[in-house]
């Protein structure tokens, strides 16, 4: 006998470490350091370049996660993307999670 399919909606944020690995950020950092050495950049300049590139990736992931979280909440509450999502509805979505035992 087959188990019934679980159709519970889930929201799983994008893992920043996984994104950084997929983008080969460590290799990129190595290339930036090598470039800095070859072009006589200061350590602060090299660090600034690395930080800027990492911050761009982190900002993109944060935006993607925020959009996915809002889409998840809208689906959970039966709202379309044209409906206005109020703070009270956001709180209701989290109450739903607590009532289902989905939060710690």
N, C-alpha and C. Protein backbone atom coordinates (compact mmCIF):
# COMPACT_ATOMS: atom_id res chain seq x y z
N UNK A 1 0.84 -1.18 0.00
CA UNK A 1 0.00 0.00 0.00
C UNK A 1 0.88 1.24 0.00
N UNK A 2 0.59 2.17 -0.88
CA UNK A 2 1.38 3.40 -0.99
C UNK A 2 0.98 4.41 0.07
N UNK A 3 1.98 5.12 0.57
CA UNK A 3 1.71 6.20 1.51
C UNK A 3 1.09 7.37 0.75
N UNK A 4 0.19 8.11 1.38
CA UNK A 4 -0.34 9.30 0.71
C UNK A 4 0.77 10.33 0.53
N UNK A 5 0.70 11.02 -0.60
CA UNK A 5 1.71 12.03 -0.90
C UNK A 5 1.52 13.23 0.01
N UNK A 6 2.61 13.71 0.60
CA UNK A 6 2.57 14.89 1.45
C UNK A 6 2.60 16.12 0.56
N UNK A 7 1.52 16.88 0.56
CA UNK A 7 1.44 18.06 -0.29
C UNK A 7 1.65 19.34 0.51
N UNK A 8 2.25 19.20 1.69
CA UNK A 8 2.54 20.37 2.52
C UNK A 8 3.51 21.29 1.78
N UNK A 9 3.17 22.58 1.75
CA UNK A 9 4.04 23.56 1.12
C UNK A 9 5.22 23.82 2.05
N UNK A 10 6.38 23.97 1.46
CA UNK A 10 7.57 24.23 2.26
C UNK A 10 8.32 25.41 1.69
N UNK A 11 9.01 26.08 2.56
CA UNK A 11 9.91 27.16 2.16
C UNK A 11 11.30 26.82 2.65
N UNK A 12 12.20 26.60 1.72
CA UNK A 12 13.57 26.31 2.07
C UNK A 12 14.44 27.41 1.49
N UNK A 13 15.04 28.23 2.36
CA UNK A 13 15.87 29.32 1.84
C UNK A 13 17.08 28.79 1.08
N UNK A 14 17.53 29.58 0.12
CA UNK A 14 18.73 29.24 -0.63
C UNK A 14 19.92 29.34 0.33
N UNK A 15 20.78 28.36 0.30
CA UNK A 15 21.95 28.31 1.17
C UNK A 15 23.08 29.13 0.56
N UNK A 16 23.49 30.18 1.26
CA UNK A 16 24.54 31.07 0.75
C UNK A 16 25.85 30.32 0.52
N UNK A 17 26.18 29.37 1.39
CA UNK A 17 27.42 28.62 1.21
C UNK A 17 27.38 27.78 -0.06
N UNK A 18 26.22 27.20 -0.35
CA UNK A 18 26.07 26.43 -1.57
C UNK A 18 26.20 27.30 -2.81
N UNK A 19 25.62 28.49 -2.75
CA UNK A 19 25.73 29.42 -3.88
C UNK A 19 27.18 29.83 -4.08
N UNK A 20 27.85 30.16 -2.97
CA UNK A 20 29.27 30.55 -3.06
C UNK A 20 30.11 29.41 -3.65
N UNK A 21 29.81 28.18 -3.25
CA UNK A 21 30.54 27.03 -3.78
C UNK A 21 30.27 26.86 -5.28
N UNK A 22 29.00 27.00 -5.68
CA UNK A 22 28.65 26.87 -7.10
C UNK A 22 29.33 27.94 -7.94
N UNK A 23 29.49 29.12 -7.35
CA UNK A 23 30.16 30.21 -8.06
C UNK A 23 31.69 30.13 -7.97
N UNK A 24 32.16 29.09 -7.26
CA UNK A 24 33.60 28.90 -7.07
C UNK A 24 34.24 30.15 -6.47
N UNK A 25 33.61 30.63 -5.39
CA UNK A 25 34.06 31.87 -4.78
C UNK A 25 35.47 31.76 -4.20
N UNK A 26 35.84 30.60 -3.66
CA UNK A 26 37.21 30.45 -3.15
C UNK A 26 38.24 30.60 -4.27
N UNK A 27 37.93 30.02 -5.42
CA UNK A 27 38.83 30.16 -6.56
C UNK A 27 38.89 31.62 -7.01
N UNK A 28 37.72 32.27 -6.97
CA UNK A 28 37.66 33.69 -7.35
C UNK A 28 38.50 34.53 -6.39
N UNK A 29 38.40 34.23 -5.10
CA UNK A 29 39.20 34.95 -4.10
C UNK A 29 40.69 34.74 -4.37
N UNK A 30 41.05 33.52 -4.70
CA UNK A 30 42.45 33.22 -5.04
C UNK A 30 42.90 34.07 -6.22
N UNK A 31 42.05 34.14 -7.25
CA UNK A 31 42.38 34.94 -8.44
C UNK A 31 42.53 36.42 -8.09
N UNK A 32 41.67 36.91 -7.20
CA UNK A 32 41.75 38.32 -6.80
C UNK A 32 43.04 38.58 -6.04
N UNK A 33 43.40 37.68 -5.13
CA UNK A 33 44.65 37.84 -4.38
C UNK A 33 45.84 37.80 -5.34
N UNK A 34 45.82 36.85 -6.26
CA UNK A 34 46.91 36.75 -7.25
C UNK A 34 47.01 38.03 -8.07
N UNK A 35 45.87 38.55 -8.50
CA UNK A 35 45.84 39.80 -9.26
C UNK A 35 46.42 40.94 -8.42
N UNK A 36 46.01 40.98 -7.15
CA UNK A 36 46.51 42.02 -6.25
C UNK A 36 48.02 41.98 -6.11
N UNK A 37 48.57 40.78 -6.00
CA UNK A 37 50.02 40.63 -5.88
C UNK A 37 50.71 41.07 -7.17
N UNK A 38 50.17 40.63 -8.30
CA UNK A 38 50.78 40.95 -9.59
C UNK A 38 50.70 42.44 -9.92
N UNK A 39 49.68 43.13 -9.39
CA UNK A 39 49.48 44.55 -9.72
C UNK A 39 49.77 45.47 -8.54
N UNK A 40 50.48 44.96 -7.56
CA UNK A 40 50.90 45.76 -6.40
C UNK A 40 49.75 46.46 -5.68
N UNK A 41 48.63 45.78 -5.55
CA UNK A 41 47.53 46.34 -4.76
C UNK A 41 47.82 46.15 -3.28
N UNK A 42 47.22 46.97 -2.47
CA UNK A 42 47.38 46.79 -1.02
C UNK A 42 46.44 45.69 -0.54
N UNK A 43 46.72 45.19 0.64
CA UNK A 43 45.86 44.15 1.23
C UNK A 43 44.44 44.69 1.41
N UNK A 44 44.34 45.96 1.79
CA UNK A 44 42.99 46.55 1.96
C UNK A 44 42.24 46.61 0.64
N UNK A 45 42.94 46.93 -0.45
CA UNK A 45 42.29 46.97 -1.76
C UNK A 45 41.79 45.58 -2.15
N UNK A 46 42.63 44.59 -1.94
CA UNK A 46 42.25 43.21 -2.27
C UNK A 46 41.06 42.79 -1.42
N UNK A 47 41.12 43.07 -0.13
CA UNK A 47 40.00 42.72 0.76
C UNK A 47 38.72 43.44 0.33
N UNK A 48 38.85 44.69 -0.08
CA UNK A 48 37.68 45.45 -0.53
C UNK A 48 37.04 44.81 -1.76
N UNK A 49 37.86 44.38 -2.70
CA UNK A 49 37.35 43.72 -3.91
C UNK A 49 36.62 42.43 -3.54
N UNK A 50 37.25 41.62 -2.69
CA UNK A 50 36.63 40.36 -2.27
C UNK A 50 35.33 40.63 -1.53
N UNK A 51 35.34 41.58 -0.60
CA UNK A 51 34.12 41.90 0.15
C UNK A 51 33.01 42.38 -0.77
N UNK A 52 33.35 43.23 -1.75
CA UNK A 52 32.34 43.75 -2.67
C UNK A 52 31.69 42.61 -3.46
N UNK A 53 32.51 41.71 -3.97
CA UNK A 53 31.96 40.60 -4.76
C UNK A 53 31.12 39.66 -3.90
N UNK A 54 31.58 39.38 -2.69
CA UNK A 54 30.80 38.51 -1.80
C UNK A 54 29.50 39.20 -1.37
N UNK A 55 29.56 40.50 -1.11
CA UNK A 55 28.36 41.24 -0.72
C UNK A 55 27.32 41.23 -1.83
N UNK A 56 27.76 41.31 -3.08
CA UNK A 56 26.82 41.26 -4.20
C UNK A 56 26.09 39.92 -4.25
N UNK A 57 26.83 38.84 -4.05
CA UNK A 57 26.22 37.51 -4.05
C UNK A 57 25.26 37.38 -2.87
N UNK A 58 25.70 37.81 -1.69
CA UNK A 58 24.85 37.72 -0.50
C UNK A 58 23.57 38.53 -0.67
N UNK A 59 23.66 39.71 -1.26
CA UNK A 59 22.48 40.55 -1.48
C UNK A 59 21.51 39.87 -2.45
N UNK A 60 22.04 39.28 -3.50
CA UNK A 60 21.19 38.59 -4.48
C UNK A 60 20.48 37.40 -3.84
N UNK A 61 21.20 36.64 -3.01
CA UNK A 61 20.60 35.49 -2.33
C UNK A 61 19.54 35.95 -1.33
N UNK A 62 19.84 37.02 -0.59
CA UNK A 62 18.87 37.54 0.38
C UNK A 62 17.59 37.99 -0.31
N UNK A 63 17.72 38.67 -1.45
CA UNK A 63 16.55 39.11 -2.20
C UNK A 63 15.76 37.91 -2.72
N UNK A 64 16.45 36.92 -3.24
CA UNK A 64 15.79 35.71 -3.73
C UNK A 64 15.05 35.00 -2.60
N UNK A 65 15.68 34.90 -1.44
CA UNK A 65 15.04 34.25 -0.29
C UNK A 65 13.83 35.04 0.18
N UNK A 66 13.92 36.36 0.20
CA UNK A 66 12.80 37.19 0.63
C UNK A 66 11.62 37.03 -0.32
N UNK A 67 11.89 37.03 -1.62
CA UNK A 67 10.83 36.86 -2.61
C UNK A 67 10.20 35.47 -2.48
N UNK A 68 11.01 34.45 -2.29
CA UNK A 68 10.49 33.09 -2.14
C UNK A 68 9.67 32.95 -0.86
N UNK A 69 10.13 33.58 0.21
CA UNK A 69 9.40 33.54 1.49
C UNK A 69 8.04 34.20 1.33
N UNK A 70 7.99 35.36 0.67
CA UNK A 70 6.72 36.04 0.48
C UNK A 70 5.79 35.22 -0.41
N UNK A 71 6.32 34.62 -1.47
CA UNK A 71 5.51 33.77 -2.35
C UNK A 71 4.94 32.59 -1.56
N UNK A 72 5.77 32.00 -0.72
CA UNK A 72 5.32 30.89 0.13
C UNK A 72 4.18 31.34 1.03
N UNK A 73 4.32 32.50 1.67
CA UNK A 73 3.29 33.01 2.57
C UNK A 73 2.01 33.29 1.79
N UNK A 74 2.13 33.87 0.61
CA UNK A 74 0.94 34.14 -0.21
C UNK A 74 0.21 32.84 -0.56
N UNK A 75 0.96 31.82 -0.97
CA UNK A 75 0.32 30.53 -1.29
C UNK A 75 -0.35 29.97 -0.06
N UNK A 76 0.36 30.05 1.06
CA UNK A 76 -0.14 29.51 2.33
C UNK A 76 -1.46 30.15 2.72
N UNK A 77 -1.58 31.46 2.45
CA UNK A 77 -2.79 32.20 2.82
C UNK A 77 -3.80 32.28 1.68
N UNK A 78 -3.48 31.69 0.54
CA UNK A 78 -4.40 31.70 -0.59
C UNK A 78 -4.48 33.04 -1.29
N UNK A 79 -3.41 33.81 -1.24
CA UNK A 79 -3.38 35.13 -1.88
C UNK A 79 -2.64 35.07 -3.21
N UNK A 80 -3.05 35.91 -4.13
CA UNK A 80 -2.32 36.02 -5.40
C UNK A 80 -1.22 37.06 -5.24
N UNK A 81 -0.38 37.17 -6.25
CA UNK A 81 0.69 38.17 -6.16
C UNK A 81 0.17 39.59 -6.36
N UNK A 82 -1.11 39.73 -6.74
CA UNK A 82 -1.72 41.05 -6.87
C UNK A 82 -2.38 41.50 -5.57
N UNK A 83 -2.66 40.54 -4.67
CA UNK A 83 -3.25 40.89 -3.38
C UNK A 83 -2.23 41.60 -2.52
N UNK A 84 -2.72 42.49 -1.67
CA UNK A 84 -1.84 43.19 -0.73
C UNK A 84 -1.66 42.31 0.49
N UNK A 85 -0.41 42.11 0.87
CA UNK A 85 -0.06 41.27 2.01
C UNK A 85 0.23 42.18 3.20
N UNK A 86 -0.63 42.13 4.21
CA UNK A 86 -0.47 43.00 5.37
C UNK A 86 0.44 42.37 6.41
N UNK A 87 0.87 43.20 7.36
CA UNK A 87 1.68 42.69 8.47
C UNK A 87 0.89 41.66 9.28
N UNK A 88 -0.41 41.90 9.44
CA UNK A 88 -1.25 40.96 10.19
C UNK A 88 -1.29 39.60 9.49
N UNK A 89 -1.35 39.62 8.17
CA UNK A 89 -1.36 38.36 7.42
C UNK A 89 -0.01 37.65 7.53
N UNK A 90 1.06 38.43 7.54
CA UNK A 90 2.39 37.84 7.73
C UNK A 90 2.45 37.14 9.08
N UNK A 91 1.94 37.80 10.11
CA UNK A 91 1.93 37.21 11.45
C UNK A 91 1.06 35.96 11.46
N UNK A 92 -0.06 36.01 10.75
CA UNK A 92 -0.95 34.84 10.67
C UNK A 92 -0.22 33.66 10.04
N UNK A 93 0.57 33.92 9.03
CA UNK A 93 1.32 32.85 8.37
C UNK A 93 2.27 32.19 9.36
N UNK A 94 2.89 32.97 10.22
CA UNK A 94 3.80 32.39 11.21
C UNK A 94 3.02 31.66 12.29
N UNK A 95 1.83 32.14 12.64
CA UNK A 95 0.98 31.43 13.59
C UNK A 95 0.59 30.07 13.04
N UNK A 96 0.33 30.00 11.74
CA UNK A 96 0.00 28.73 11.10
C UNK A 96 1.15 27.75 11.32
N UNK A 97 2.38 28.22 11.13
CA UNK A 97 3.55 27.36 11.33
C UNK A 97 3.61 26.85 12.76
N UNK A 98 3.38 27.73 13.72
CA UNK A 98 3.46 27.33 15.12
C UNK A 98 2.36 26.33 15.44
N UNK A 99 1.16 26.55 14.93
CA UNK A 99 0.05 25.64 15.19
C UNK A 99 0.30 24.26 14.59
N UNK A 100 1.05 24.21 13.51
CA UNK A 100 1.35 22.92 12.88
C UNK A 100 2.62 22.29 13.45
N UNK A 101 3.26 22.99 14.38
CA UNK A 101 4.50 22.47 14.96
C UNK A 101 5.68 22.55 14.01
N UNK A 102 5.64 23.51 13.08
CA UNK A 102 6.70 23.62 12.09
C UNK A 102 7.81 24.58 12.51
N UNK A 103 7.68 25.20 13.68
CA UNK A 103 8.74 26.07 14.17
C UNK A 103 9.28 25.51 15.46
N UNK A 104 10.44 25.98 15.84
CA UNK A 104 11.07 25.50 17.08
C UNK A 104 10.42 26.13 18.29
